[in-house]
């Protein structure tokens, strides 16, 4: 397995301008990365790997971005007295020149999901090993409805990315690299509805014209009694075409990826006794008819310290010879020291925000 020492510098200049009816943000940055890679012989000699890695790589990429948004507002006196509606168009231009990164091993980069907010990201991939070129305009519009107490009750957003040139990294193991399409390729929409003080609904969908199909979608329905008591039901989907197109070539024939992702699940948080609370999550993959994610966390809280114990079991592959699923199991233990104060919570929000659980608030 290749190893590397990586040094990254990213000086940035921002010029934000805003007032009550709009904003204009201009940003320029220079991304400079140095890689010193070792243990390359095994990778370079494998015929399944299309890239040839280099011992030393320097990558320098400038980036320029302009992001503008307007906010229009009107009273809804005729339909809902006291309610207010906004209309928020947004336009962003992003430019990143192409740099061939085929000589760099992909240590920690993965494709980021393009929900509506994701359309306006700087990066196509997380991490630093793959920074895709960009010459694109992203456009979108959001409308929101606020009640007479200025609480957001509903919103819906839709947007798209228009590519003037194809986005690429030079990595031949990424199937997107073989597609030179330009134009309006990616559409995404999100919606949110606060049904009542305790119920909320959130959903999103992404459509990719290169696949001529819905790429990903998700929905969540949440009941929140208070800060520490909630139950959330979830559905998440990724099409087989999307999974096959975004996976590296050497994973494309893996059994667990052939049918995409089609999962239902739940996340819950609830106090079980004084100073004790529990959070958990369970996801079931309907394509494979097997559990996908199972997580459980228990916390004890006092004024001076908190103790957390967690367990996670996650689907991570498929054994073709034995015809059964492969799971990763992990146990975590954490002690947190606090100041001497009688003001302490049960800590369920901290566990939910820790990214250990697949939770995104629907409220």
Protein backbone atom coordinates (compact mmCIF):
# COMPACT_ATOMS: atom_id res chain seq x y z
CA UNK A 1 0.00 0.00 0.00
CA UNK A 2 1.46 3.41 -0.97
CA UNK A 3 2.33 5.83 1.82
CA UNK A 4 3.04 9.54 1.66
CA UNK A 5 4.13 12.65 3.47
CA UNK A 6 1.84 15.47 2.36
CA UNK A 7 2.25 19.21 2.90
CA UNK A 8 -0.55 21.57 1.84
CA UNK A 9 -0.74 25.37 1.86
CA UNK A 10 -3.87 27.32 0.89
CA UNK A 11 -3.55 31.12 1.22
CA UNK A 12 -6.90 32.80 0.55
CA UNK A 13 -8.13 36.33 -0.13
CA UNK A 14 -11.82 37.13 0.49
CA UNK A 15 -13.86 40.21 -0.34
CA UNK A 16 -17.36 39.84 1.18
CA UNK A 17 -20.00 42.50 0.50
CA UNK A 18 -23.52 42.30 1.91
CA UNK A 19 -26.58 44.22 3.01
CA UNK A 20 -30.13 43.29 3.99
CA UNK A 21 -31.22 42.44 0.43
CA UNK A 22 -28.21 40.61 -0.96
CA UNK A 23 -24.57 39.60 -0.86
CA UNK A 24 -21.59 39.32 -3.21
CA UNK A 25 -18.55 37.30 -2.16
CA UNK A 26 -15.36 37.20 -4.21
CA UNK A 27 -12.59 34.77 -3.32
CA UNK A 28 -9.18 33.87 -4.72
CA UNK A 29 -6.87 31.20 -3.36
CA UNK A 30 -3.72 29.31 -4.24
CA UNK A 31 -3.63 25.60 -3.41
CA UNK A 32 -0.09 24.23 -3.21
CA UNK A 33 0.54 20.59 -2.25
CA UNK A 34 3.71 18.52 -2.06
CA UNK A 35 3.69 14.70 -1.94
CA UNK A 36 6.62 12.46 -1.07
CA UNK A 37 5.37 8.92 -1.77
CA UNK A 38 6.87 5.54 -0.86
CA UNK A 39 5.97 1.82 -1.30
CA UNK A 40 4.91 2.35 -4.92
CA UNK A 41 6.32 -0.79 -6.61
CA UNK A 42 3.40 -3.10 -5.82
CA UNK A 43 0.82 -0.56 -7.00
CA UNK A 44 2.67 0.37 -10.19
CA UNK A 45 3.19 -3.28 -11.16
CA UNK A 46 -0.52 -4.14 -10.82
CA UNK A 47 -2.10 -4.18 -14.33
CA UNK A 48 -5.51 -3.29 -12.87
CA UNK A 49 -4.24 0.15 -11.84
CA UNK A 50 -4.33 2.53 -14.78
CA UNK A 51 -2.22 5.25 -13.12
CA UNK A 52 1.52 5.18 -12.48
CA UNK A 53 2.47 6.84 -9.21
CA UNK A 54 5.49 9.11 -8.80
CA UNK A 55 7.90 9.38 -5.87
CA UNK A 56 7.68 13.18 -5.61
CA UNK A 57 4.82 15.36 -6.85
CA UNK A 58 4.22 19.11 -6.62
CA UNK A 59 0.75 20.41 -7.46
CA UNK A 60 -0.10 24.12 -7.61
CA UNK A 61 -3.65 25.20 -8.50
CA UNK A 62 -5.17 28.69 -8.30
CA UNK A 63 -8.90 29.06 -7.69
CA UNK A 64 -11.27 31.96 -8.34
CA UNK A 65 -14.89 32.19 -7.23
CA UNK A 66 -17.65 34.82 -7.32
CA UNK A 67 -20.89 34.08 -5.44
CA UNK A 68 -23.89 36.43 -5.49
CA UNK A 69 -27.33 36.21 -3.89
CA UNK A 70 -30.41 38.44 -3.76
CA UNK A 71 -33.29 38.30 -1.26
CA UNK A 72 -36.79 39.43 -2.23
CA UNK A 73 -39.51 39.50 0.42
CA UNK A 74 -43.29 39.88 0.43
CA UNK A 75 -46.15 39.62 2.91
CA UNK A 76 -48.65 36.79 2.48
CA UNK A 77 -51.56 38.75 3.85
CA UNK A 78 -54.06 37.34 1.36
CA UNK A 79 -53.20 33.67 1.98
CA UNK A 80 -51.77 33.59 5.51
CA UNK A 81 -51.96 36.79 7.58
CA UNK A 82 -48.70 37.47 9.41
CA UNK A 83 -46.68 35.12 7.21
CA UNK A 84 -43.77 36.25 5.00
CA UNK A 85 -42.34 34.69 1.84
CA UNK A 86 -38.85 35.20 0.43
CA UNK A 87 -37.41 34.49 -3.01
CA UNK A 88 -33.62 34.05 -3.06
CA UNK A 89 -31.90 33.62 -6.45
CA UNK A 90 -28.21 32.70 -6.32
CA UNK A 91 -25.45 32.57 -8.96
CA UNK A 92 -21.87 31.36 -8.54
CA UNK A 93 -18.96 31.19 -10.99
CA UNK A 94 -16.04 28.88 -10.17
CA UNK A 95 -12.75 28.47 -12.01
CA UNK A 96 -10.00 25.96 -11.20
CA UNK A 97 -7.45 25.05 -13.91
CA UNK A 98 -6.72 21.43 -14.77
CA UNK A 99 -3.74 19.67 -13.24
CA UNK A 100 -2.90 16.02 -13.98
CA UNK A 101 -3.05 14.15 -10.64
CA UNK A 102 -2.61 10.61 -11.95
CA UNK A 103 0.80 10.38 -10.25
CA UNK A 104 -0.79 10.87 -6.80
CA UNK A 105 -2.35 7.93 -4.96
CA UNK A 106 -5.89 8.56 -3.71
CA UNK A 107 -5.35 8.36 0.05
CA UNK A 108 -8.47 10.05 1.40
CA UNK A 109 -10.50 11.70 -1.39
CA UNK A 110 -14.05 10.63 -2.20
CA UNK A 111 -16.85 12.11 -4.28
CA UNK A 112 -19.05 14.54 -2.35
CA UNK A 113 -22.80 14.20 -2.70
CA UNK A 114 -24.38 17.10 -4.60
CA UNK A 115 -27.46 18.15 -2.66
CA UNK A 116 -28.64 21.72 -3.27
CA UNK A 117 -26.05 23.30 -0.98
CA UNK A 118 -23.44 20.95 -2.43
CA UNK A 119 -23.95 22.50 -5.87
CA UNK A 120 -22.18 25.61 -4.55
CA UNK A 121 -19.17 23.79 -3.08
CA UNK A 122 -15.65 24.61 -4.27
CA UNK A 123 -14.71 20.95 -4.44
CA UNK A 124 -16.10 17.90 -6.22
CA UNK A 125 -14.10 15.57 -3.98
CA UNK A 126 -13.43 15.61 -0.26
CA UNK A 127 -9.84 15.49 0.92
CA UNK A 128 -6.81 16.85 -0.92
CA UNK A 129 -5.70 14.04 -3.22
CA UNK A 130 -8.18 14.84 -5.98
CA UNK A 131 -9.01 18.48 -6.82
CA UNK A 132 -11.10 18.59 -9.98
CA UNK A 133 -10.80 21.33 -12.56
CA UNK A 134 -13.77 23.68 -12.87
CA UNK A 135 -15.09 26.23 -15.34
CA UNK A 136 -18.73 26.36 -14.38
CA UNK A 137 -21.71 28.46 -13.37
CA UNK A 138 -24.08 27.27 -10.66
CA UNK A 139 -27.55 28.80 -10.50
CA UNK A 140 -30.27 28.18 -7.95
CA UNK A 141 -33.30 29.65 -6.28
CA UNK A 142 -34.80 29.17 -2.82
CA UNK A 143 -38.16 30.26 -1.48
CA UNK A 144 -38.91 30.32 2.26
CA UNK A 145 -42.06 30.91 4.30
CA UNK A 146 -41.87 32.38 7.81
CA UNK A 147 -44.71 32.58 10.33
CA UNK A 148 -45.62 35.65 12.41
CA UNK A 149 -42.93 34.71 14.96
CA UNK A 150 -40.24 34.66 12.22
CA UNK A 151 -39.94 30.85 12.44
CA UNK A 152 -39.19 29.17 9.12
CA UNK A 153 -42.08 26.83 8.31
CA UNK A 154 -41.29 25.76 4.76
CA UNK A 155 -38.64 26.06 2.07
CA UNK A 156 -37.88 24.58 -1.32
CA UNK A 157 -34.71 24.96 -3.40
CA UNK A 158 -33.72 23.91 -6.90
CA UNK A 159 -30.44 24.46 -8.72
CA UNK A 160 -28.13 23.23 -11.47
CA UNK A 161 -24.48 23.34 -12.57
CA UNK A 162 -23.58 24.37 -16.12
CA UNK A 163 -20.14 23.13 -17.19
CA UNK A 164 -18.28 25.16 -19.85
CA UNK A 165 -15.54 22.49 -19.92
CA UNK A 166 -15.46 18.97 -18.50
CA UNK A 167 -14.37 18.59 -14.88
CA UNK A 168 -11.39 16.24 -14.51
CA UNK A 169 -8.39 15.25 -12.41
CA UNK A 170 -6.42 13.03 -14.80
CA UNK A 171 -7.15 9.90 -12.73
CA UNK A 172 -8.09 7.17 -15.23
CA UNK A 173 -9.46 5.00 -12.41
CA UNK A 174 -12.39 7.43 -12.04
CA UNK A 175 -15.08 6.64 -14.60
CA UNK A 176 -16.31 10.25 -14.75
CA UNK A 177 -12.96 11.09 -16.35
CA UNK A 178 -14.02 9.24 -19.51
CA UNK A 179 -17.06 11.49 -19.96
CA UNK A 180 -16.34 14.75 -21.79
CA UNK A 181 -19.89 16.10 -21.70
CA UNK A 182 -20.49 19.78 -20.97
CA UNK A 183 -23.57 21.90 -20.39
CA UNK A 184 -26.24 21.54 -17.73
CA UNK A 185 -25.37 18.17 -16.23
CA UNK A 186 -26.31 18.12 -12.53
CA UNK A 187 -29.63 19.22 -10.99
CA UNK A 188 -30.53 19.10 -7.31
CA UNK A 189 -33.52 20.05 -5.19
CA UNK A 190 -34.21 20.16 -1.45
CA UNK A 191 -37.33 20.85 0.57
CA UNK A 192 -38.14 21.31 4.25
CA UNK A 193 -41.49 21.45 6.04
CA UNK A 194 -41.89 22.15 9.73
CA UNK A 195 -45.23 20.43 10.15
CA UNK A 196 -45.66 21.42 13.81
CA UNK A 197 -43.53 22.31 16.82
CA UNK A 198 -42.57 18.64 17.21
CA UNK A 199 -42.66 17.28 13.65
CA UNK A 200 -40.40 18.08 10.70
CA UNK A 201 -39.92 16.69 7.19
CA UNK A 202 -36.86 17.10 4.96
CA UNK A 203 -36.06 15.56 1.56
CA UNK A 204 -33.73 16.01 -1.39
CA UNK A 205 -33.08 14.63 -4.87
CA UNK A 206 -30.24 14.84 -7.40
CA UNK A 207 -30.69 14.23 -11.14
CA UNK A 208 -27.72 13.66 -13.45
CA UNK A 209 -28.29 14.12 -17.18
CA UNK A 210 -25.21 12.01 -17.96
CA UNK A 211 -27.03 9.03 -16.43
CA UNK A 212 -30.53 10.06 -17.56
CA UNK A 213 -31.79 9.09 -14.12
CA UNK A 214 -32.15 10.17 -10.52
CA UNK A 215 -28.67 9.76 -9.03
CA UNK A 216 -29.42 10.10 -5.31
CA UNK A 217 -32.33 10.96 -3.05
CA UNK A 218 -33.10 11.03 0.66
CA UNK A 219 -35.99 11.78 3.02
CA UNK A 220 -36.31 12.09 6.78
CA UNK A 221 -39.27 12.51 9.12
CA UNK A 222 -38.42 13.63 12.65
CA UNK A 223 -40.34 13.77 15.91
CA UNK A 224 -38.60 15.97 18.50
CA UNK A 225 -40.19 16.20 21.93
CA UNK A 226 -37.38 18.33 23.36
CA UNK A 227 -33.62 18.77 23.03
CA UNK A 228 -32.83 15.25 24.27
CA UNK A 229 -35.82 13.25 22.99
CA UNK A 230 -36.16 12.58 19.27
CA UNK A 231 -36.95 9.82 16.79
CA UNK A 232 -36.10 10.16 13.10
CA UNK A 233 -37.14 7.86 10.24
CA UNK A 234 -34.95 7.93 7.12
CA UNK A 235 -34.79 6.72 3.54
CA UNK A 236 -31.72 7.03 1.31
CA UNK A 237 -31.16 5.97 -2.29
CA UNK A 238 -28.32 5.95 -4.82
CA UNK A 239 -28.90 4.49 -8.26
CA UNK A 240 -26.75 1.61 -9.59
CA UNK A 241 -25.68 3.84 -12.48
CA UNK A 242 -24.48 6.54 -10.10
CA UNK A 243 -22.57 4.07 -7.92
CA UNK A 244 -20.90 2.43 -10.92
CA UNK A 245 -19.96 5.78 -12.45
CA UNK A 246 -18.44 7.22 -9.29
CA UNK A 247 -16.54 4.18 -8.03
CA UNK A 248 -12.91 3.64 -9.03
CA UNK A 249 -12.59 1.08 -11.83
CA UNK A 250 -11.08 -1.59 -9.56
CA UNK A 251 -14.25 -1.55 -7.40
CA UNK A 252 -16.77 -1.52 -10.25
CA UNK A 253 -17.27 -5.30 -10.29
CA UNK A 254 -17.72 -5.63 -6.51
CA UNK A 255 -20.93 -7.45 -5.70
CA UNK A 256 -22.13 -5.05 -2.99
CA UNK A 257 -22.10 -2.08 -5.40
CA UNK A 258 -23.96 -3.56 -8.38
CA UNK A 259 -27.48 -2.74 -7.18
CA UNK A 260 -26.86 0.73 -5.78
CA UNK A 261 -28.08 1.80 -2.36
CA UNK A 262 -31.68 1.49 -1.19
CA UNK A 263 -31.88 1.81 2.59
CA UNK A 264 -34.44 2.56 5.28
CA UNK A 265 -33.46 3.35 8.83
CA UNK A 266 -34.05 5.19 12.07
CA UNK A 267 -32.09 7.34 14.51
CA UNK A 268 -33.26 7.82 18.09
CA UNK A 269 -32.14 9.73 21.17
CA UNK A 270 -33.79 9.34 24.56
CA UNK A 271 -33.00 9.72 28.30
CA UNK A 272 -33.37 6.41 30.14
CA UNK A 273 -32.70 7.55 33.73
CA UNK A 274 -31.40 10.49 35.70
CA UNK A 275 -28.04 11.49 34.12
CA UNK A 276 -28.19 8.54 31.69
CA UNK A 277 -29.05 8.85 27.99
CA UNK A 278 -28.91 6.64 24.93
CA UNK A 279 -28.68 7.23 21.19
CA UNK A 280 -28.84 4.67 18.42
CA UNK A 281 -29.21 4.14 14.69
CA UNK A 282 -30.23 1.22 12.51
CA UNK A 283 -30.23 1.08 8.70
CA UNK A 284 -31.43 -1.84 6.57
CA UNK A 285 -30.46 -2.31 2.92
CA UNK A 286 -33.48 -3.58 1.01
CA UNK A 287 -31.41 -4.58 -2.03
CA UNK A 288 -29.22 -7.03 -0.12
CA UNK A 289 -31.83 -7.72 2.61
CA UNK A 290 -29.15 -7.16 5.24
CA UNK A 291 -28.44 -4.57 7.95
CA UNK A 292 -26.21 -1.77 6.66
CA UNK A 293 -25.40 0.33 9.75
CA UNK A 294 -26.00 -0.40 13.42
CA UNK A 295 -24.85 2.06 16.06
CA UNK A 296 -25.48 2.46 19.78
CA UNK A 297 -24.16 5.01 22.27
CA UNK A 298 -24.64 5.29 26.04
CA UNK A 299 -23.66 8.33 28.09
CA UNK A 300 -23.49 9.19 31.79
CA UNK A 301 -23.42 12.89 32.63
CA UNK A 302 -22.55 14.81 35.77
CA UNK A 303 -21.51 18.36 36.53
CA UNK A 304 -17.81 17.44 36.44
CA UNK A 305 -17.45 14.72 33.82
CA UNK A 306 -19.20 12.68 31.13
CA UNK A 307 -18.54 9.08 30.11
CA UNK A 308 -19.53 7.80 26.66
CA UNK A 309 -19.44 4.25 25.36
CA UNK A 310 -20.30 3.49 21.74
CA UNK A 311 -20.58 0.48 19.43
CA UNK A 312 -20.75 0.48 15.63
CA UNK A 313 -21.29 -2.31 13.11
CA UNK A 314 -21.14 -1.25 9.46
CA UNK A 315 -21.52 -3.19 6.20
CA UNK A 316 -18.17 -3.00 4.40
CA UNK A 317 -18.18 -5.63 1.65
CA UNK A 318 -19.22 -9.02 0.37
CA UNK A 319 -17.38 -12.36 0.45
CA UNK A 320 -18.09 -13.98 -2.92
CA UNK A 321 -16.60 -17.33 -1.89
CA UNK A 322 -18.61 -17.71 1.30
CA UNK A 323 -21.59 -15.69 0.02
CA UNK A 324 -22.04 -13.54 3.11
CA UNK A 325 -21.68 -9.89 4.08
CA UNK A 326 -18.52 -8.49 5.67
CA UNK A 327 -18.94 -6.08 8.58
CA UNK A 328 -16.58 -3.72 10.36
CA UNK A 329 -17.04 -3.57 14.14
CA UNK A 330 -15.81 -0.76 16.38
CA UNK A 331 -16.09 0.09 20.08
CA UNK A 332 -15.39 3.57 21.39
CA UNK A 333 -14.85 4.93 24.90
CA UNK A 334 -14.61 8.60 25.84
CA UNK A 335 -14.20 10.56 29.10
CA UNK A 336 -14.88 14.30 29.12
CA UNK A 337 -13.87 16.49 32.07
CA UNK A 338 -16.00 19.58 32.74
CA UNK A 339 -16.00 22.65 34.91
CA UNK A 340 -17.57 22.58 38.35
CA UNK A 341 -21.11 23.62 37.46
CA UNK A 342 -24.59 22.39 38.22
CA UNK A 343 -25.74 23.31 34.70
CA UNK A 344 -25.30 20.14 32.66
CA UNK A 345 -27.31 18.43 29.93
CA UNK A 346 -27.72 14.81 29.04
CA UNK A 347 -25.27 15.10 26.15
CA UNK A 348 -27.38 13.51 23.43
CA UNK A 349 -26.93 16.52 21.15
CA UNK A 350 -23.15 16.21 21.42
CA UNK A 351 -23.36 12.56 20.39
CA UNK A 352 -25.65 13.40 17.47
CA UNK A 353 -23.33 16.18 16.29
CA UNK A 354 -20.23 14.01 16.56
CA UNK A 355 -20.84 12.46 13.08
CA UNK A 356 -20.70 9.01 14.66
CA UNK A 357 -24.40 8.66 13.93
CA UNK A 358 -25.87 9.30 10.44
CA UNK A 359 -28.04 12.16 11.72
CA UNK A 360 -29.09 15.40 10.07
CA UNK A 361 -31.71 17.48 11.81
CA UNK A 362 -35.13 17.75 10.16
CA UNK A 363 -36.14 20.56 12.51
